[in-house]
Protein backbone atom coordinates (compact mmCIF):
# COMPACT_ATOMS: atom_id res chain seq x y z
CA MET A 1 35.41 3.89 49.21
CA THR A 2 37.44 3.40 52.40
CA LEU A 3 38.02 0.59 54.82
CA PHE A 4 39.90 0.24 58.11
CA ASP A 5 40.53 3.83 59.26
CA GLY A 6 40.33 5.47 55.87
CA ILE A 7 42.86 3.25 54.05
CA ARG A 8 41.88 2.37 50.47
CA PRO A 9 41.96 -1.41 50.19
CA PHE A 10 41.96 -1.48 46.37
CA TYR A 11 43.99 0.10 43.57
CA ALA A 12 42.12 2.47 41.29
CA GLN A 13 44.15 1.18 38.33
CA GLY A 14 46.18 -1.94 37.70
CA ARG A 15 49.96 -1.79 37.63
CA THR A 16 52.12 -1.91 34.50
CA THR A 17 51.83 -5.12 32.56
CA PHE A 18 54.62 -7.60 33.19
CA ILE A 19 55.58 -7.73 29.49
CA PHE A 20 56.89 -4.15 29.70
CA ALA A 21 59.25 -4.74 32.64
CA ILE A 22 62.17 -2.32 32.70
CA ALA A 23 64.83 -5.07 32.69
CA LEU A 24 63.19 -6.69 29.67
CA LEU A 25 63.07 -3.41 27.77
CA VAL A 26 66.74 -2.69 28.53
CA VAL A 27 67.83 -6.09 27.18
CA ILE A 28 65.79 -5.70 24.00
CA LEU A 29 67.09 -2.16 23.42
CA VAL A 30 70.71 -3.26 23.86
CA PHE A 31 70.37 -5.97 21.23
CA LEU A 32 68.50 -3.59 18.92
CA VAL A 33 71.44 -1.17 19.16
CA PHE A 34 73.83 -3.98 18.19
CA ALA A 35 71.60 -4.95 15.26
CA SER A 36 71.23 -1.33 14.09
CA THR A 37 74.99 -0.76 14.27
CA PHE A 38 75.61 -3.84 12.17
CA LEU A 39 73.03 -2.78 9.58
CA ILE A 40 74.78 0.58 9.26
CA ILE A 41 78.16 -1.00 8.45
CA LEU A 42 76.66 -3.78 6.31
CA PRO A 43 76.79 -1.81 3.00
CA GLY A 44 80.58 -1.57 3.37
CA ILE A 45 80.94 -5.34 2.94
CA ARG A 46 81.52 -6.41 -0.66
CA GLY A 47 79.90 -9.14 -2.74
CA LYS A 48 78.39 -12.24 -1.25
CA GLY A 49 80.13 -11.48 2.04
CA ARG A 50 77.34 -8.97 2.71
CA LEU A 51 74.67 -11.69 2.61
CA TYR A 52 76.82 -14.12 4.60
CA SER A 53 77.50 -11.52 7.28
CA PHE A 54 73.82 -10.56 7.51
CA CYS A 55 72.68 -14.17 8.02
CA ARG A 56 75.44 -14.93 10.49
CA VAL A 57 75.08 -11.84 12.68
CA ILE A 58 71.27 -11.74 12.73
CA THR A 59 71.09 -15.43 13.67
CA SER A 60 73.66 -14.95 16.41
CA LEU A 61 71.88 -11.90 17.83
CA PHE A 62 68.57 -13.77 17.77
CA ILE A 63 70.06 -16.61 19.81
CA GLY A 64 71.66 -14.19 22.26
CA VAL A 65 68.54 -12.11 22.84
CA ILE A 66 66.39 -15.20 23.43
CA ILE A 67 68.85 -16.57 26.02
CA VAL A 68 68.78 -13.31 27.98
CA VAL A 69 65.13 -12.29 27.56
CA VAL A 70 63.57 -15.55 28.77
CA ASN A 71 65.23 -14.97 32.15
CA PHE A 72 62.92 -11.99 32.68
CA THR A 73 59.66 -13.22 31.14
CA SER A 74 56.77 -14.62 33.16
CA ASP A 75 55.20 -16.89 30.57
CA TRP A 76 57.07 -20.17 30.96
CA GLU A 77 53.81 -21.66 32.18
CA THR A 78 50.44 -19.96 31.75
CA GLY A 79 46.76 -20.51 32.30
CA TYR A 80 43.56 -18.49 31.96
CA VAL A 81 39.96 -18.90 33.00
CA THR A 82 36.78 -16.83 32.73
CA ALA A 83 34.62 -17.12 35.80
CA ASN A 84 32.14 -15.46 38.15
CA THR A 85 33.94 -14.76 41.39
CA THR A 86 33.78 -12.60 44.47
CA TYR A 87 35.68 -9.35 44.17
CA LYS A 88 36.11 -7.76 47.60
CA ALA A 89 36.75 -8.93 51.09
CA PHE A 90 33.74 -8.90 53.41
CA SER A 91 31.37 -8.69 50.44
CA ASN A 92 29.26 -11.19 48.54
CA GLU A 93 29.18 -9.14 45.33
CA THR A 94 30.46 -11.07 42.32
CA ILE A 95 32.01 -10.04 39.04
CA THR A 96 32.64 -11.68 35.69
CA ALA A 97 36.35 -11.56 34.95
CA ARG A 98 39.19 -13.21 33.12
CA VAL A 99 41.77 -14.49 35.59
CA GLY A 100 45.26 -15.31 34.36
CA LEU A 101 48.29 -16.95 35.92
CA GLN A 102 51.78 -16.75 34.41
CA ILE A 103 54.67 -18.61 36.02
CA GLY A 104 58.24 -17.55 35.28
CA LEU A 105 61.70 -18.39 36.54
CA ALA A 106 61.61 -15.65 39.19
CA GLY A 107 57.99 -15.73 40.35
CA ILE A 108 54.37 -15.61 39.29
CA ASN A 109 52.22 -12.94 37.67
CA VAL A 110 48.49 -12.79 38.30
CA THR A 111 46.11 -10.80 36.11
CA LEU A 112 42.48 -9.91 36.69
CA GLN A 113 40.46 -8.18 33.98
CA GLY A 114 36.77 -7.54 34.29
CA LEU A 115 34.37 -8.46 31.50
CA PRO A 116 33.51 -5.63 31.00
CA VAL A 117 36.33 -3.71 32.65
CA ASN A 118 33.99 -1.32 34.48
CA GLN A 119 31.94 -3.17 37.06
CA LEU A 120 30.65 -2.23 40.53
CA ASN A 121 31.55 1.40 39.76
CA GLU A 122 35.25 0.46 39.54
CA THR A 123 37.84 -0.28 36.89
CA ILE A 124 38.81 -3.93 37.25
CA ASP A 125 42.17 -4.32 35.54
CA TYR A 126 44.95 -5.70 37.76
CA ASN A 127 48.39 -7.12 37.10
CA GLU A 128 50.46 -8.23 40.11
CA ASN A 129 53.88 -9.85 40.47
CA PHE A 130 54.90 -12.13 43.33
CA LEU A 131 58.62 -12.97 43.21
CA TRP A 132 60.51 -15.76 44.95
CA GLN A 133 64.09 -14.70 44.28
CA PHE A 134 66.57 -15.38 47.09
CA GLU A 135 66.89 -11.69 47.97
CA LEU A 136 63.08 -11.36 48.15
CA ASN A 137 60.63 -13.07 50.46
CA TYR A 138 57.50 -14.35 48.75
CA ASP A 139 55.61 -14.62 52.04
CA GLU A 140 56.33 -10.96 52.87
CA GLU A 141 55.07 -9.86 49.47
CA TYR A 142 51.95 -11.93 49.98
CA HIS A 143 51.28 -10.36 53.38
CA LYS A 144 51.84 -6.88 51.91
CA SER A 145 49.25 -7.65 49.25
CA LEU A 146 46.82 -8.60 52.02
CA GLU A 147 47.46 -5.26 53.70
CA ARG A 148 46.92 -3.43 50.41
CA GLY A 149 43.59 -5.19 49.99
CA LEU A 150 44.03 -6.72 46.56
CA PRO A 151 40.97 -8.44 45.00
CA ASN A 152 40.07 -11.90 46.23
CA PRO A 153 40.98 -13.81 43.01
CA ILE A 154 44.55 -12.45 43.08
CA LEU A 155 45.02 -13.24 46.77
CA TYR A 156 43.50 -16.69 46.29
CA ILE A 157 46.02 -17.60 43.57
CA ALA A 158 48.97 -16.02 45.41
CA GLU A 159 48.11 -18.06 48.50
CA LYS A 160 48.39 -21.29 46.51
CA PHE A 161 52.09 -20.57 45.86
CA ASN A 162 52.85 -19.46 49.40
CA THR A 163 55.56 -21.29 51.37
CA HIS A 164 52.89 -22.87 53.56
CA GLY A 165 50.25 -22.89 50.84
CA PRO A 166 47.90 -25.82 50.36
CA CYS A 167 49.54 -26.91 47.09
CA LEU A 168 53.10 -27.18 48.49
CA VAL A 169 54.63 -26.19 45.14
CA HIS A 170 56.52 -23.09 46.24
CA MET A 171 59.91 -24.71 46.88
CA GLN A 172 59.80 -26.79 43.71
CA TYR A 173 59.04 -23.84 41.42
CA ARG A 174 61.53 -21.64 43.26
CA PHE A 175 64.52 -23.98 43.02
CA CYS A 176 63.68 -25.15 39.51
CA GLY A 177 63.54 -21.52 38.43
CA HIS A 178 66.91 -20.77 40.03
CA TYR A 179 68.60 -23.76 38.39
CA ALA A 180 67.08 -22.90 35.01
CA THR A 181 68.30 -19.30 35.34
CA ALA A 182 71.82 -20.46 36.20
CA MET A 183 71.92 -22.79 33.18
CA LEU A 184 70.73 -20.05 30.85
CA TRP A 185 73.40 -17.61 32.05
CA VAL A 186 76.07 -20.26 31.46
CA ALA A 187 74.59 -20.72 27.99
CA PHE A 188 74.92 -16.97 27.45
CA CYS A 189 78.62 -17.11 28.39
CA ALA A 190 79.09 -19.99 25.94
CA TRP A 191 77.32 -17.90 23.28
CA VAL A 192 79.78 -15.03 23.80
CA ILE A 193 82.76 -17.40 23.48
CA MET A 194 81.17 -18.93 20.38
CA ASN A 195 81.04 -15.54 18.66
CA ILE A 196 84.66 -14.80 19.60
CA LEU A 197 85.79 -18.10 18.07
CA PHE A 198 83.77 -17.46 14.92
CA SER A 199 85.65 -14.20 14.39
CA MET A 200 88.97 -16.08 14.51
CA SER A 201 90.36 -18.82 12.33
CA THR A 202 89.19 -21.56 14.73
CA ILE A 203 85.69 -21.90 13.29
CA VAL A 204 85.24 -25.53 14.28
CA TYR A 205 85.72 -24.66 17.96
CA GLY A 206 82.93 -22.12 17.55
CA GLY A 207 80.78 -25.01 16.34
CA TYR A 208 81.65 -26.95 19.49
CA MET A 209 80.69 -23.96 21.63
CA ALA A 210 77.38 -23.78 19.76
CA LEU A 211 76.73 -27.33 20.95
CA VAL A 212 77.71 -26.31 24.50
CA THR A 213 75.30 -23.36 24.31
CA SER A 214 72.54 -25.67 23.14
CA ALA A 215 73.31 -28.19 25.89
CA PHE A 216 73.03 -25.67 28.73
CA MET A 217 69.82 -24.26 27.30
CA ILE A 218 68.37 -27.76 27.27
CA PHE A 219 69.57 -28.27 30.86
CA GLY A 220 67.64 -25.13 31.83
CA ILE A 221 64.54 -26.39 30.04
CA ILE A 222 64.79 -29.73 31.82
CA ALA A 223 65.26 -27.98 35.18
CA PHE A 224 62.01 -26.04 34.76
CA GLY A 225 60.22 -28.96 33.11
CA THR A 226 60.58 -31.05 36.27
CA THR A 227 57.80 -28.95 37.80
CA GLN A 228 55.40 -30.88 35.55
CA ASN A 229 56.16 -34.05 37.49
CA HIS A 230 54.47 -32.57 40.56
CA PRO A 231 50.66 -32.78 40.76
CA GLN A 232 49.21 -29.51 39.53
CA CYS A 233 47.70 -27.14 42.04
CA ILE A 234 43.91 -27.04 41.87
CA ILE A 235 42.73 -23.45 41.44
CA GLN A 236 38.96 -23.47 41.44
CA PHE A 237 36.64 -20.55 40.64
CA GLY A 238 33.15 -21.91 41.14
CA SER A 239 32.63 -24.53 38.47
CA GLU A 240 35.68 -23.38 36.47
CA THR A 241 39.22 -24.65 37.05
CA LEU A 242 42.32 -22.66 36.15
CA LYS A 243 44.81 -25.05 34.55
CA THR A 244 48.31 -24.10 33.46
CA SER A 245 50.51 -25.51 30.72
CA LEU A 246 53.99 -24.87 29.31
CA SER A 247 53.93 -21.68 27.29
CA VAL A 248 55.80 -19.34 24.93
CA SER A 249 59.11 -18.84 26.75
CA PHE A 250 59.56 -22.58 27.33
CA TRP A 251 58.96 -23.55 23.71
CA LEU A 252 60.92 -20.59 22.35
CA THR A 253 63.92 -21.58 24.46
CA LEU A 254 63.62 -25.17 23.25
CA ALA A 255 63.43 -24.05 19.60
CA THR A 256 66.49 -21.81 20.05
CA ALA A 257 68.42 -24.66 21.68
CA LEU A 258 67.61 -26.93 18.73
CA LEU A 259 68.68 -24.17 16.33
CA CYS A 260 72.03 -23.88 18.14
CA PHE A 261 72.47 -27.64 18.00
CA ILE A 262 71.74 -27.81 14.25
CA LEU A 263 74.12 -24.92 13.51
CA GLY A 264 76.87 -26.54 15.59
CA VAL A 265 76.50 -29.88 13.79
CA ILE A 266 76.49 -28.21 10.35
CA ILE A 267 79.64 -26.21 11.14
CA ILE A 268 81.51 -29.28 12.42
CA LEU A 269 80.52 -31.34 9.36
CA MET A 270 81.41 -28.52 6.97
CA ASP A 271 84.81 -28.14 8.61
CA HIS A 272 85.42 -31.84 8.06
CA TYR A 273 84.12 -32.20 4.48
CA ASN A 274 84.38 -28.75 2.91
CA PRO A 275 86.43 -26.32 5.02
CA GLU A 276 87.02 -23.87 2.14
CA LYS A 277 83.32 -23.06 1.75
CA LEU A 278 83.02 -22.72 5.51
CA ARG A 279 85.87 -20.20 5.57
CA THR A 280 84.25 -18.36 2.69
CA PHE A 281 80.97 -18.12 4.60
CA PHE A 282 82.76 -16.65 7.61
CA ILE A 283 84.87 -14.38 5.33
CA LEU A 284 88.12 -15.71 6.71
CA ASN A 285 89.84 -16.42 3.37
CA GLY A 286 89.59 -12.91 1.98
CA GLY A 287 93.00 -11.90 3.26
CA ASP A 288 94.67 -14.98 1.78
CA ASP A 289 93.06 -14.35 -1.60
CA ASP A 290 94.21 -10.75 -1.55
CA GLU A 291 97.75 -11.78 -0.71
CA ASP A 292 97.74 -14.38 -3.48
CA GLU A 293 96.41 -11.88 -5.96
CA MET A 294 99.00 -9.34 -4.84
CA GLY A 295 101.78 -11.90 -5.17
CA ASP A 296 100.59 -12.94 -8.62
CA GLY A 297 100.44 -9.30 -9.67
CA LEU A 298 104.00 -8.64 -8.55
CA ILE A 299 105.28 -11.72 -10.34
CA ASN A 300 103.45 -10.83 -13.55
CA GLN A 301 104.64 -7.26 -13.36
CA SER A 302 108.24 -8.35 -12.78
CA PHE A 303 108.03 -10.81 -15.67
CA THR A 304 106.58 -8.14 -17.95
CA ASN A 305 109.26 -5.64 -17.04
CA ASP A 306 112.09 -8.16 -17.58
CA PHE A 307 110.64 -9.29 -20.91
CA GLY A 308 110.20 -5.70 -22.10
CA GLU A 309 113.74 -4.80 -21.10
CA ALA A 310 115.11 -7.79 -22.99
CA LEU A 311 113.19 -6.83 -26.12
CA TYR A 312 114.48 -3.26 -25.90
CA LEU A 313 118.12 -4.37 -25.56
CA ASN A 314 117.76 -6.79 -28.48
CA LYS A 315 116.30 -4.03 -30.65
CA MET A 316 119.14 -1.64 -29.81
CA LYS A 317 121.69 -4.32 -30.58
CA ASN A 318 120.19 -4.93 -34.03
CA SER A 319 120.18 -1.21 -34.75
CA PHE A 320 123.87 -1.00 -33.95
CA LYS A 321 124.61 -3.81 -36.42
CA ASN A 322 122.59 -2.30 -39.29
CA LYS A 323 123.93 1.26 -39.08
CA ASP A 324 127.38 2.71 -39.81
CA PHE A 325 128.80 4.98 -37.20
CA VAL A 326 131.30 7.73 -37.95
CA VAL A 327 133.65 8.70 -35.24
CA TYR A 328 134.81 12.29 -35.34
CA THR A 329 138.13 13.21 -33.82
């Protein structure tokens, strides 16, 4: 099928799903390498320190990967609807499809999947990103999608988030996403400092940095959550309305922030009430114990040697008294 001087207005196949974005895969692989490296060296840790190290490192890596990954996901706010809708421009033919909208910090993702996938002698399975980062122009991407001839449902949703769209939500989502991203990257920096402090003798300051990490994650959540104060955009497909709600990335970030807060409070309280157990958990008293044991060993060895030497001299002295010695000249 062709349109407008032989230019195909529709893709034969949909593009790669947003979940498998290259940046997202790179982040996950990096953290998996860190986790695998730690698991390799874990058997070299003795006693209970092995379990303590496993819990501490895995929890820390989980917090770090969540902070970074949610910057690249598109499911902070999602919505789906199944409807009968027109498919092509300049045509009244309709299809039955599942239309999805995912809103992230950097833009929106629109999916269109036919029910069934093969309809009108075509494969209806689309997945399109429209980004509003500062270095990209959302309006230009929207106009390019018009030139490419994307299906009507995708263009209809993309138009709603245009700069001059009828919903007037573009600027709010764009700036809220930028502020949330900035807060999350600051939280990541605080997470790095937290891990550095945990590896030193200043454990309590690591607990304070855990609270700082949690605070900036919550600031990011609040920044994006302000979009809920704006009246939702009405996206109507016949009698069906596509409504969005806060989704996985939002709640996962909130849960991770609460986890950081709880860990920070526990560490601060443990440092105040029972610092020895806290140092044991972070394996920071092993060197002191070894030194003490070494010192005790040297003292005991010295005492044993002195005592044995004294016994030997006393025995020799008694032997000299009990025996007669003849001196030959």
